[in-house]
Amino acid sequence: MQKILVIDDDRDMCLLLNRFLTKRGFQVVEHYNGRKALEHISADKPDLILCDFRLEDMDGKQVLIKTREIYPDMPFIIITGYSEVKMAVEMLKLGAFDYVTKPVFPDEILVTIKKALEQENSQAPAAVAAPAAPAVRKSRPAETDDKYIFGKTPEMLNILKQIELVAPTNYSVIIYGESGSGKEAIAQKIHAQSSRRNQPFIAIDCGALSRELAGSELFGHEKGSFTGALNQKIGSMELANGGTIFLDEIANLPYDIQVALLRVVQERKIRRVGGNRDIELDLRIIVASNEKLWDAARVGKFREDLYHRFNEFSINLPPLRERAEDILLYSRHFLAATNRELGKNIVDFSPEVQQVFNSYHWYGNLRELKNVVKRAALLTDGPIVGLQSLPFEIIYHQKLSAETTPAPAPAAAVAAPLAPLPPENTFTPSVPSFHENSLKAVSIDAEYEMIVEALKQSNFNKTKAAKLLNIDRKTLYNKMKQYQQFNNL
């Protein structure tokens, strides 16, 4: 029986997951704070960890990092709110398998758990050398076409032309773009169209490399070169020899490692930590950053000479919100992939959903869009994805955006300053009318306004909203259930 460790300071959530997963044949262990959970992990290895990002004594990122020190390949799933999606994406780069957003839907989390366990079981036995850090992703050869599609906007068509021009060369390339916008897919496309296509493609998230281990991870080390170096380790640069190495978020590399990397770029040679001989390399270097490296160099965060070495060619990848014409193209691509995964036959999105998708900001870019589509498909029974299957935050975001546009309001609206409600055909209130001439209606009206205002101030983080309202989170959940317009929270 596979063992799942659930870490969440919400005991009701732990109980819900325990009952659900136990019925599905898993053994479930609960812990309500990170310190106790880590003690349990050290003493009794679980098969998978399900961890809330917000804990009483630490956050999920700290738990993930410490878990990786004990079990580098442990499947780790984050539970997070939509306001923390950016942090969740950062944790994926640190080695988390995936994240699920609140509210947690049991069927959705079951699919994610099964995928994580299947991937773990399908992995080949570990090599004799020390395992690679979770910041490293390998493929040989790179394959992008099945997993990623390029849009039809003029910006993306221009990027495809740039890729065709630079791919056959050995130029170093800088890819600029926000997190989740598809920078690694661009790097893989360049590799796939180059003469190195049949050689290794290795991607490294530089933000996940600690100062102490970055040199060892990139350049390798010799046995006994430092405490804990029990075996010789081949570094990622050497593993990529003959192929392409992709350094994501390059500006996060420690400054001393930037100095060592400059020699690699100049001479195409490395020396393992603790070694005494140079190793010749033949590899292409592609880097990516969500900030301009020239600006980072001006403030002393990034070496200017290293920037100029990398800057033989650059590609600027626009965020998803700036290529709105492609949003439905990507959405349908993700929907087709989810149909195959879930065995469904969903045809398309309703016109209302398409309108919401086209106007939403997409803070997490393609990653956020993919997860919204997967979640909506899971909740859809018919052939069309409707508004009722979308996360409440996305629908309500449109309402909040509308509030920022000044418009003359009729007298009746001024007399009843309620937050805008979702469309009537989507949510049916199960409470008395807010304008009913009764003391009970006035009380419900005021309570509703306070809940909405607290949610807005806390960016829909229900724990923070509960604190603002001076109630516990369970009470807030119960209050929200009284209004069916909060069904999808």
Protein backbone atom coordinates (compact mmCIF):
# COMPACT_ATOMS: atom_id res chain seq x y z
CA MET A 1 0.00 0.00 0.00
CA GLN A 2 1.47 3.35 -1.06
CA LYS A 3 1.93 5.91 1.70
CA ILE A 4 1.02 9.57 1.27
CA LEU A 5 2.10 12.23 3.74
CA VAL A 6 -0.36 15.15 3.99
CA ILE A 7 1.03 18.37 5.51
CA ASP A 8 -1.56 21.07 6.21
CA ASP A 9 -2.39 23.20 9.24
CA ASP A 10 -6.08 22.99 8.30
CA ARG A 11 -7.18 19.83 10.14
CA ASP A 12 -10.45 19.70 8.25
CA MET A 13 -8.55 19.59 4.97
CA CYS A 14 -6.32 16.82 6.33
CA LEU A 15 -9.38 14.84 7.41
CA LEU A 16 -11.04 15.29 4.02
CA LEU A 17 -7.94 14.13 2.12
CA ASN A 18 -7.36 11.27 4.56
CA ARG A 19 -10.85 9.86 4.10
CA PHE A 20 -10.84 10.31 0.34
CA LEU A 21 -7.38 8.83 -0.28
CA THR A 22 -7.87 5.99 2.20
CA LYS A 23 -10.96 4.90 0.28
CA ARG A 24 -8.81 4.86 -2.86
CA GLY A 25 -6.37 2.39 -1.35
CA PHE A 26 -3.66 4.70 0.01
CA GLN A 27 -2.19 4.81 3.49
CA VAL A 28 -2.37 8.41 4.70
CA VAL A 29 -0.32 10.10 7.42
CA GLU A 30 -1.20 13.64 8.56
CA HIS A 31 0.97 16.39 10.03
CA TYR A 32 -0.12 19.92 10.82
CA ASN A 33 3.25 21.73 10.79
CA GLY A 34 6.44 21.51 8.79
CA ARG A 35 8.82 20.63 11.64
CA LYS A 36 6.92 17.53 12.72
CA ALA A 37 6.46 16.50 9.11
CA LEU A 38 10.19 16.69 8.42
CA GLU A 39 10.90 14.58 11.49
CA HIS A 40 8.47 11.99 10.17
CA ILE A 41 10.03 12.10 6.69
CA SER A 42 13.47 11.38 8.15
CA ALA A 43 12.19 8.42 10.14
CA ASP A 44 9.69 6.89 7.72
CA LYS A 45 9.92 7.51 3.97
CA PRO A 46 6.53 8.15 2.30
CA ASP A 47 5.84 7.46 -1.36
CA LEU A 48 4.50 10.97 -1.99
CA ILE A 49 4.13 14.26 -0.11
CA LEU A 50 1.12 16.55 -0.39
CA CYS A 51 1.96 19.87 1.27
CA ASP A 52 0.07 23.13 1.75
CA PHE A 53 2.16 26.18 0.89
CA ARG A 54 1.08 28.11 4.00
CA LEU A 55 1.95 26.38 7.28
CA GLU A 56 2.11 27.66 10.84
CA ASP A 57 5.87 27.32 11.35
CA MET A 58 7.29 27.45 7.80
CA ASP A 59 6.18 27.51 4.19
CA GLY A 60 5.98 24.70 1.69
CA LYS A 61 9.11 25.92 -0.08
CA GLN A 62 11.21 25.28 3.02
CA VAL A 63 9.65 21.84 3.44
CA LEU A 64 10.40 21.03 -0.21
CA ILE A 65 14.04 22.12 0.02
CA LYS A 66 14.67 20.12 3.18
CA THR A 67 12.85 17.10 1.74
CA ARG A 68 15.03 17.26 -1.36
CA GLU A 69 18.12 17.07 0.87
CA ILE A 70 16.87 13.73 2.22
CA TYR A 71 15.09 12.27 -0.83
CA PRO A 72 16.08 14.04 -4.10
CA ASP A 73 13.42 12.24 -6.16
CA MET A 74 10.49 12.29 -3.74
CA PRO A 75 7.21 13.18 -5.56
CA PHE A 76 6.09 16.47 -3.98
CA ILE A 77 2.76 18.19 -4.73
CA ILE A 78 1.95 21.71 -3.52
CA ILE A 79 -1.50 22.91 -2.46
CA THR A 80 -1.79 26.64 -3.03
CA GLY A 81 -4.15 29.54 -3.57
CA TYR A 82 -4.42 31.41 -6.86
CA SER A 83 -2.72 34.42 -5.26
CA GLU A 84 0.37 32.22 -4.78
CA VAL A 85 0.61 30.78 -8.30
CA LYS A 86 3.88 32.61 -8.99
CA MET A 87 5.41 31.05 -5.88
CA ALA A 88 4.06 27.65 -6.90
CA VAL A 89 5.75 27.97 -10.28
CA GLU A 90 9.00 28.78 -8.47
CA MET A 91 8.58 25.59 -6.43
CA LEU A 92 8.14 23.57 -9.62
CA LYS A 93 11.57 24.81 -10.60
CA LEU A 94 12.86 23.64 -7.23
CA GLY A 95 11.65 20.13 -8.02
CA ALA A 96 8.00 19.91 -7.03
CA PHE A 97 6.06 17.58 -9.35
CA ASP A 98 3.00 19.81 -9.68
CA TYR A 99 0.65 22.07 -7.75
CA VAL A 100 -3.11 22.10 -7.20
CA THR A 101 -5.03 25.25 -6.38
CA LYS A 102 -7.63 25.77 -3.70
CA PRO A 103 -10.35 24.80 -3.42
CA VAL A 104 -9.08 21.26 -3.71
CA PHE A 105 -11.25 19.00 -5.84
CA PRO A 106 -10.73 15.36 -4.82
CA ASP A 107 -10.86 13.96 -8.36
CA GLU A 108 -8.37 16.55 -9.60
CA ILE A 109 -5.89 15.84 -6.85
CA LEU A 110 -6.28 12.08 -7.36
CA VAL A 111 -5.30 12.43 -11.02
CA THR A 112 -2.23 14.50 -10.06
CA ILE A 113 -1.20 11.98 -7.36
CA LYS A 114 -1.49 9.03 -9.76
CA LYS A 115 0.57 10.83 -12.40
CA ALA A 116 3.30 11.64 -9.87
CA LEU A 117 3.45 8.05 -8.61
CA GLU A 118 3.42 6.62 -12.14
CA GLN A 119 6.31 8.87 -13.15
CA GLU A 120 8.25 7.86 -10.06
CA ASN A 121 7.69 4.15 -10.74
CA SER A 122 8.61 4.45 -14.41
CA GLN A 123 11.97 6.08 -13.79
CA ALA A 124 15.05 3.99 -14.48
CA PRO A 125 17.23 2.83 -11.57
CA ALA A 126 19.61 5.46 -10.30
CA ALA A 127 23.10 5.58 -11.77
CA VAL A 128 26.18 4.91 -9.68
CA ALA A 129 27.03 8.59 -9.60
CA ALA A 130 25.18 10.94 -7.26
CA PRO A 131 21.69 11.78 -8.56
CA ALA A 132 21.17 15.01 -10.40
CA ALA A 133 19.57 17.88 -8.52
CA PRO A 134 15.89 18.56 -9.18
CA ALA A 135 16.88 21.77 -10.94
CA VAL A 136 18.15 19.67 -13.85
CA ARG A 137 15.91 18.34 -16.60
CA LYS A 138 17.33 16.11 -19.33
CA SER A 139 16.06 15.01 -22.69
CA ARG A 140 17.75 13.24 -25.56
CA PRO A 141 16.85 14.25 -28.12
CA ALA A 142 14.66 17.29 -27.43
CA GLU A 143 11.05 16.97 -28.54
CA THR A 144 8.89 20.07 -28.50
CA ASP A 145 6.18 19.61 -31.11
CA ASP A 146 4.01 17.20 -29.10
CA LYS A 147 4.13 19.25 -25.91
CA TYR A 148 4.19 22.84 -27.09
CA ILE A 149 2.61 24.75 -29.94
CA PHE A 150 3.65 28.13 -31.25
CA GLY A 151 0.98 30.76 -31.73
CA LYS A 152 -0.15 32.50 -34.87
CA THR A 153 0.34 36.10 -33.73
CA PRO A 154 2.87 38.21 -35.66
CA GLU A 155 5.11 38.22 -32.58
CA MET A 156 5.27 34.42 -32.39
CA LEU A 157 5.69 34.03 -36.17
CA ASN A 158 8.60 36.44 -35.96
CA ILE A 159 10.13 34.40 -33.13
CA LEU A 160 9.85 31.25 -35.25
CA LYS A 161 11.76 33.02 -38.01
CA GLN A 162 14.43 34.03 -35.52
CA ILE A 163 14.71 30.43 -34.34
CA GLU A 164 15.14 29.22 -37.93
CA LEU A 165 17.94 31.74 -38.43
CA VAL A 166 19.88 31.10 -35.24
CA ALA A 167 19.32 27.33 -34.78
CA PRO A 168 21.88 26.15 -37.38
CA THR A 169 24.60 28.33 -35.84
CA ASN A 170 26.54 27.85 -32.62
CA TYR A 171 25.62 31.30 -31.30
CA SER A 172 24.83 31.68 -27.63
CA VAL A 173 21.25 32.90 -27.18
CA ILE A 174 19.51 34.90 -24.45
CA ILE A 175 15.74 34.34 -24.15
CA TYR A 176 13.82 37.00 -22.24
CA GLY A 177 10.33 36.36 -20.92
CA GLU A 178 8.15 36.11 -17.82
CA SER A 179 7.89 32.93 -15.80
CA GLY A 180 5.63 30.41 -17.47
CA SER A 181 5.74 32.07 -20.89
CA GLY A 182 7.54 29.18 -22.62
CA LYS A 183 11.25 30.09 -22.57
CA GLU A 184 12.40 26.49 -22.21
CA ALA A 185 10.21 25.46 -25.16
CA ILE A 186 11.98 28.09 -27.28
CA ALA A 187 15.36 26.68 -26.19
CA GLN A 188 14.25 23.15 -27.04
CA LYS A 189 13.02 24.34 -30.44
CA ILE A 190 16.43 25.87 -31.17
CA HIS A 191 18.14 22.63 -30.14
CA ALA A 192 15.72 20.49 -32.19
CA GLN A 193 16.44 22.50 -35.35
CA SER A 194 20.22 22.48 -34.87
CA SER A 195 22.87 19.97 -35.92
CA ARG A 196 23.02 18.93 -32.25
CA ARG A 197 19.44 17.63 -32.27
CA ASN A 198 20.52 14.02 -31.60
CA GLN A 199 22.75 15.01 -28.69
CA PRO A 200 21.72 15.81 -25.08
CA PHE A 201 19.59 18.78 -24.15
CA ILE A 202 19.95 19.63 -20.46
CA ALA A 203 17.98 22.37 -18.72
CA ILE A 204 19.03 23.85 -15.39
CA ASP A 205 17.12 26.27 -13.20
CA CYS A 206 19.88 28.48 -11.82
CA GLY A 207 17.54 29.89 -9.18
CA ALA A 208 17.35 26.45 -7.58
CA LEU A 209 21.14 26.08 -7.24
CA SER A 210 22.54 26.96 -3.83
CA ARG A 211 25.85 28.79 -3.60
CA GLU A 212 27.46 25.75 -1.97
CA LEU A 213 26.41 23.20 -4.59
CA ALA A 214 26.17 25.28 -7.78
CA GLY A 215 29.78 24.60 -8.77
CA SER A 216 29.40 20.87 -8.22
CA GLU A 217 26.11 20.76 -10.13
CA LEU A 218 27.44 22.65 -13.14
CA PHE A 219 31.04 21.44 -13.31
CA GLY A 220 31.01 18.21 -11.30
CA HIS A 221 33.37 17.19 -8.49
CA GLU A 222 35.98 14.61 -7.64
CA LYS A 223 35.61 12.08 -4.85
CA GLY A 224 36.65 13.56 -1.50
CA SER A 225 36.81 17.13 -2.80
CA PHE A 226 34.54 18.32 0.02
CA THR A 227 32.55 16.89 2.90
CA GLY A 228 29.88 14.60 1.52
CA ALA A 229 31.60 14.05 -1.85
CA LEU A 230 31.61 10.27 -1.50
CA ASN A 231 31.76 9.62 -5.25
CA GLN A 232 32.90 11.35 -8.37
CA LYS A 233 30.10 13.41 -9.93
CA ILE A 234 29.78 14.36 -13.58
CA GLY A 235 28.48 17.93 -13.83
CA SER A 236 25.67 19.11 -16.07
CA MET A 237 28.07 20.91 -18.41
CA GLU A 238 29.96 17.70 -19.04
CA LEU A 239 26.73 15.72 -19.44
CA ALA A 240 25.61 18.17 -22.11
CA ASN A 241 28.87 17.79 -24.05
CA GLY A 242 28.09 17.62 -27.75
CA GLY A 243 24.61 19.03 -27.23
CA THR A 244 22.93 22.05 -25.68
CA ILE A 245 22.74 23.32 -22.10
CA PHE A 246 19.90 25.67 -21.14
CA LEU A 247 20.48 27.89 -18.09
CA ASP A 248 17.13 29.25 -16.94
CA GLU A 249 16.97 32.37 -14.73
CA ILE A 250 20.69 32.90 -15.29
CA ALA A 251 20.69 36.16 -13.28
CA ASN A 252 20.15 34.12 -10.10
CA LEU A 253 23.54 32.40 -10.35
CA PRO A 254 25.89 33.27 -7.47
CA TYR A 255 28.47 35.85 -8.51
CA ASP A 256 31.47 33.58 -7.95
CA ILE A 257 29.89 30.92 -10.18
CA GLN A 258 29.45 33.59 -12.86
CA VAL A 259 33.22 34.07 -12.76
CA ALA A 260 33.82 30.35 -13.30
CA LEU A 261 31.18 30.26 -16.04
CA LEU A 262 32.94 33.05 -17.92
CA ARG A 263 35.93 30.75 -18.46
CA VAL A 264 33.64 28.02 -19.77
CA VAL A 265 32.06 30.40 -22.28
CA GLN A 266 35.42 31.77 -23.40
CA GLU A 267 37.51 28.60 -23.59
CA ARG A 268 34.90 25.79 -23.62
CA LYS A 269 36.76 24.06 -20.80
CA ILE A 270 35.73 23.06 -17.28
CA ARG A 271 37.53 21.74 -14.25
CA ARG A 272 35.62 19.64 -11.74
CA VAL A 273 35.57 20.83 -8.14
CA GLY A 274 38.65 19.29 -6.53
CA GLY A 275 40.05 18.27 -9.92
CA ASN A 276 43.42 19.13 -11.42
CA ARG A 277 42.83 18.76 -15.16
CA ASP A 278 40.78 20.64 -17.74
CA ILE A 279 38.02 18.90 -19.68
CA GLU A 280 37.34 20.05 -23.23
CA LEU A 281 33.70 20.80 -24.06
CA ASP A 282 31.75 21.13 -27.29
CA LEU A 283 28.35 22.50 -26.31
CA ARG A 284 25.96 25.29 -27.08
CA ILE A 285 24.80 27.56 -24.27
CA ILE A 286 21.31 29.07 -24.22
CA VAL A 287 20.27 31.20 -21.25
CA ALA A 288 16.98 32.72 -20.15
CA SER A 289 15.96 35.47 -17.77
CA ASN A 290 12.79 37.26 -16.68
CA GLU A 291 14.81 40.45 -16.20
CA LYS A 292 17.06 42.30 -18.61
CA LEU A 293 20.64 41.14 -18.06
CA TRP A 294 22.00 44.51 -19.07
CA ASP A 295 20.02 46.16 -16.27
CA ALA A 296 21.25 43.46 -13.85
CA ALA A 297 24.82 44.15 -14.97
CA ARG A 298 24.44 47.89 -14.40
CA VAL A 299 23.50 47.35 -10.74
CA GLY A 300 26.27 44.81 -10.18
CA LYS A 301 24.04 41.73 -9.97
CA PHE A 302 25.37 40.19 -13.16
CA ARG A 303 28.84 40.32 -14.70
CA GLU A 304 28.91 42.64 -17.68
CA ASP A 305 31.60 40.64 -19.48
CA LEU A 306 29.54 37.46 -19.09
CA TYR A 307 26.48 39.26 -20.44
CA HIS A 308 28.36 40.30 -23.57
CA ARG A 309 29.59 36.72 -24.07
CA PHE A 310 26.03 35.42 -23.98
CA ASN A 311 24.52 38.23 -26.01
CA GLU A 312 25.37 36.90 -29.49
CA PHE A 313 21.63 36.65 -30.18
CA SER A 314 18.55 37.44 -28.11
CA ILE A 315 14.86 36.56 -28.33
CA ASN A 316 12.12 38.47 -26.51
CA LEU A 317 9.14 36.26 -25.69
CA PRO A 318 6.02 38.34 -24.96
CA PRO A 319 3.73 37.34 -22.06
CA LEU A 320 0.48 35.59 -22.88
CA ARG A 321 -1.63 38.69 -22.24
CA GLU A 322 0.21 40.46 -25.09
CA ARG A 323 -0.62 37.69 -27.57
CA ALA A 324 -4.32 37.46 -26.76
CA GLU A 325 -5.14 36.15 -30.23
CA ASP A 326 -3.34 32.93 -29.30
CA ILE A 327 -5.10 32.32 -25.99
CA LEU A 328 -7.88 30.18 -27.46
CA LEU A 329 -5.37 28.32 -29.65
CA TYR A 330 -3.37 27.33 -26.57
CA SER A 331 -6.57 26.63 -24.62
CA ARG A 332 -7.82 24.17 -27.21
CA HIS A 333 -4.41 22.54 -27.40
CA PHE A 334 -4.43 21.99 -23.63
CA LEU A 335 -8.05 20.81 -23.80
CA ALA A 336 -7.17 18.18 -26.42
CA ALA A 337 -4.29 16.94 -24.25
CA THR A 338 -6.56 16.80 -21.19
CA ASN A 339 -9.21 14.90 -23.16
CA ARG A 340 -6.63 12.24 -23.95
CA GLU A 341 -5.49 12.13 -20.34
CA LEU A 342 -8.96 11.87 -18.81
CA GLY A 343 -10.63 9.88 -21.60
CA LYS A 344 -13.15 12.66 -22.23
CA ASN A 345 -14.56 14.14 -25.41
CA ILE A 346 -15.06 17.82 -24.61
CA VAL A 347 -15.54 19.75 -27.82
CA ASP A 348 -14.91 23.41 -26.95
CA PHE A 349 -15.39 26.30 -24.56
CA SER A 350 -18.64 28.25 -24.32
CA PRO A 351 -18.65 31.81 -25.76
CA GLU A 352 -18.74 33.18 -22.19
CA VAL A 353 -15.62 31.18 -21.24
CA GLN A 354 -13.84 32.33 -24.38
CA GLN A 355 -14.61 35.93 -23.48
CA VAL A 356 -13.26 35.46 -19.95
CA PHE A 357 -10.11 33.76 -21.26
CA ASN A 358 -9.44 36.56 -23.74
CA SER A 359 -9.80 39.32 -21.15
CA TYR A 360 -8.06 37.69 -18.16
CA HIS A 361 -4.54 38.89 -17.25
CA TRP A 362 -2.94 35.39 -17.00
CA TYR A 363 -0.38 36.21 -14.34
CA GLY A 364 1.12 32.71 -14.60
CA ASN A 365 1.09 32.78 -18.42
CA LEU A 366 0.85 29.39 -20.18
CA ARG A 367 1.35 27.44 -16.97
CA GLU A 368 -1.68 29.06 -15.36
CA LEU A 369 -3.78 28.66 -18.52
CA LYS A 370 -2.90 24.96 -18.75
CA ASN A 371 -3.93 24.30 -15.16
CA VAL A 372 -7.18 26.23 -15.50
CA VAL A 373 -8.08 24.22 -18.62
CA LYS A 374 -7.19 20.91 -16.94
CA ARG A 375 -9.27 21.77 -13.91
CA ALA A 376 -12.23 22.99 -15.96
CA ALA A 377 -12.17 19.84 -18.11
CA LEU A 378 -12.19 17.67 -15.00
CA LEU A 379 -15.31 19.45 -13.74
CA THR A 380 -17.13 19.40 -17.09
CA ASP A 381 -19.62 16.60 -17.75
CA GLY A 382 -20.96 17.69 -21.14
CA PRO A 383 -19.30 18.56 -24.44
CA ILE A 384 -18.81 22.27 -23.65
CA VAL A 385 -16.79 23.91 -20.87
CA GLY A 386 -19.03 26.48 -19.16
CA LEU A 387 -18.42 29.29 -16.68
CA GLN A 388 -19.46 27.05 -13.80
CA SER A 389 -16.29 24.99 -14.34
CA LEU A 390 -13.90 27.94 -14.06
CA PRO A 391 -12.21 28.98 -10.80
CA PHE A 392 -14.17 31.71 -9.08
CA GLU A 393 -11.12 33.99 -8.94
CA ILE A 394 -10.88 34.18 -12.73
CA ILE A 395 -14.55 35.06 -13.17
CA TYR A 396 -14.50 37.53 -10.31
CA HIS A 397 -11.32 39.13 -11.60
CA GLN A 398 -13.32 40.40 -14.55
CA LYS A 399 -15.81 41.98 -12.17
CA LEU A 400 -13.08 43.66 -10.17
CA SER A 401 -11.50 44.98 -13.38
CA ALA A 402 -14.83 46.46 -14.38
CA GLU A 403 -15.00 48.25 -11.02
CA THR A 404 -11.83 50.18 -11.81
CA THR A 405 -13.47 51.80 -14.86
CA PRO A 406 -15.47 54.86 -13.70
CA ALA A 407 -19.01 54.87 -14.98
CA PRO A 408 -22.13 56.81 -13.97
CA ALA A 409 -24.27 54.63 -11.76
CA PRO A 410 -28.06 54.80 -11.48
CA ALA A 411 -29.56 55.97 -8.19
CA ALA A 412 -30.68 52.45 -7.29
CA ALA A 413 -27.14 51.16 -7.57
CA VAL A 414 -25.84 53.91 -5.27
CA ALA A 415 -28.43 52.96 -2.70
CA ALA A 416 -27.23 49.36 -2.70
CA PRO A 417 -23.39 49.41 -2.85
CA LEU A 418 -22.92 45.68 -3.30
CA ALA A 419 -19.91 44.07 -4.95
CA PRO A 420 -20.81 42.87 -8.47
CA LEU A 421 -22.24 39.38 -8.62
CA PRO A 422 -21.49 36.68 -11.20
CA PRO A 423 -23.99 36.29 -14.05
CA GLU A 424 -27.45 35.18 -12.98
CA ASN A 425 -27.45 32.22 -15.35
CA THR A 426 -24.27 30.93 -13.69
CA PHE A 427 -25.01 31.21 -9.97
CA THR A 428 -28.40 31.07 -8.27
CA PRO A 429 -28.40 32.68 -4.81
CA SER A 430 -29.80 30.45 -2.12
CA VAL A 431 -30.30 33.33 0.33
CA PRO A 432 -33.10 35.90 0.60
CA SER A 433 -32.88 38.83 -1.78
CA PHE A 434 -30.35 41.40 -0.57
CA HIS A 435 -32.90 44.15 -1.13
CA GLU A 436 -35.68 42.45 0.81
CA ASN A 437 -37.23 44.87 3.28
CA SER A 438 -36.36 42.99 6.46
CA LEU A 439 -33.80 43.09 9.26
CA LYS A 440 -32.52 39.65 8.19
CA ALA A 441 -31.90 40.88 4.66
CA VAL A 442 -29.95 43.89 5.93
CA SER A 443 -27.82 41.62 8.11
CA ILE A 444 -27.09 39.25 5.21
CA ASP A 445 -26.33 42.22 2.98
CA ALA A 446 -23.78 43.64 5.42
CA GLU A 447 -22.18 40.24 6.06
CA TYR A 448 -21.85 39.57 2.35
CA GLU A 449 -20.19 42.94 1.76
CA MET A 450 -17.68 42.33 4.55
CA ILE A 451 -16.74 38.90 3.20
CA VAL A 452 -16.28 40.22 -0.34
CA GLU A 453 -14.20 43.16 0.87
CA ALA A 454 -11.98 40.92 3.02
CA LEU A 455 -11.42 38.54 0.11
CA LYS A 456 -10.49 41.42 -2.18
CA GLN A 457 -8.07 42.91 0.36
CA SER A 458 -6.38 39.53 0.90
CA ASN A 459 -6.22 38.75 -2.84
CA PHE A 460 -8.58 35.79 -2.23
CA ASN A 461 -6.32 34.19 0.37
CA LYS A 462 -8.98 32.75 2.65
CA THR A 463 -6.67 32.38 5.65
CA LYS A 464 -5.80 36.09 5.54
CA ALA A 465 -9.44 37.02 4.87
CA ALA A 466 -10.54 35.08 7.95
CA LYS A 467 -8.00 36.97 10.06
CA LEU A 468 -9.28 40.29 8.72
CA LEU A 469 -12.81 39.24 9.69
CA ASN A 470 -11.58 37.99 13.09
CA ILE A 471 -13.00 34.49 12.50
CA ASP A 472 -11.36 31.15 11.84
CA ARG A 473 -11.02 29.75 8.34
CA LYS A 474 -13.65 27.07 8.89
CA THR A 475 -16.23 29.68 9.85
CA LEU A 476 -15.37 31.66 6.73
CA TYR A 477 -15.86 28.56 4.57
CA ASN A 478 -19.25 27.94 6.19
CA LYS A 479 -20.31 31.54 5.65
CA MET A 480 -19.26 31.38 2.03
CA LYS A 481 -21.28 28.23 1.49
CA GLN A 482 -24.41 30.23 2.36
CA TYR A 483 -23.99 32.05 -0.94
CA GLN A 484 -24.04 29.85 -3.99
CA GLN A 485 -22.08 32.43 -5.95
CA PHE A 486 -19.07 31.24 -3.90
CA ASN A 487 -19.62 27.60 -4.94
CA ASN A 488 -16.36 27.37 -6.86
CA LEU A 489 -14.09 28.89 -4.22
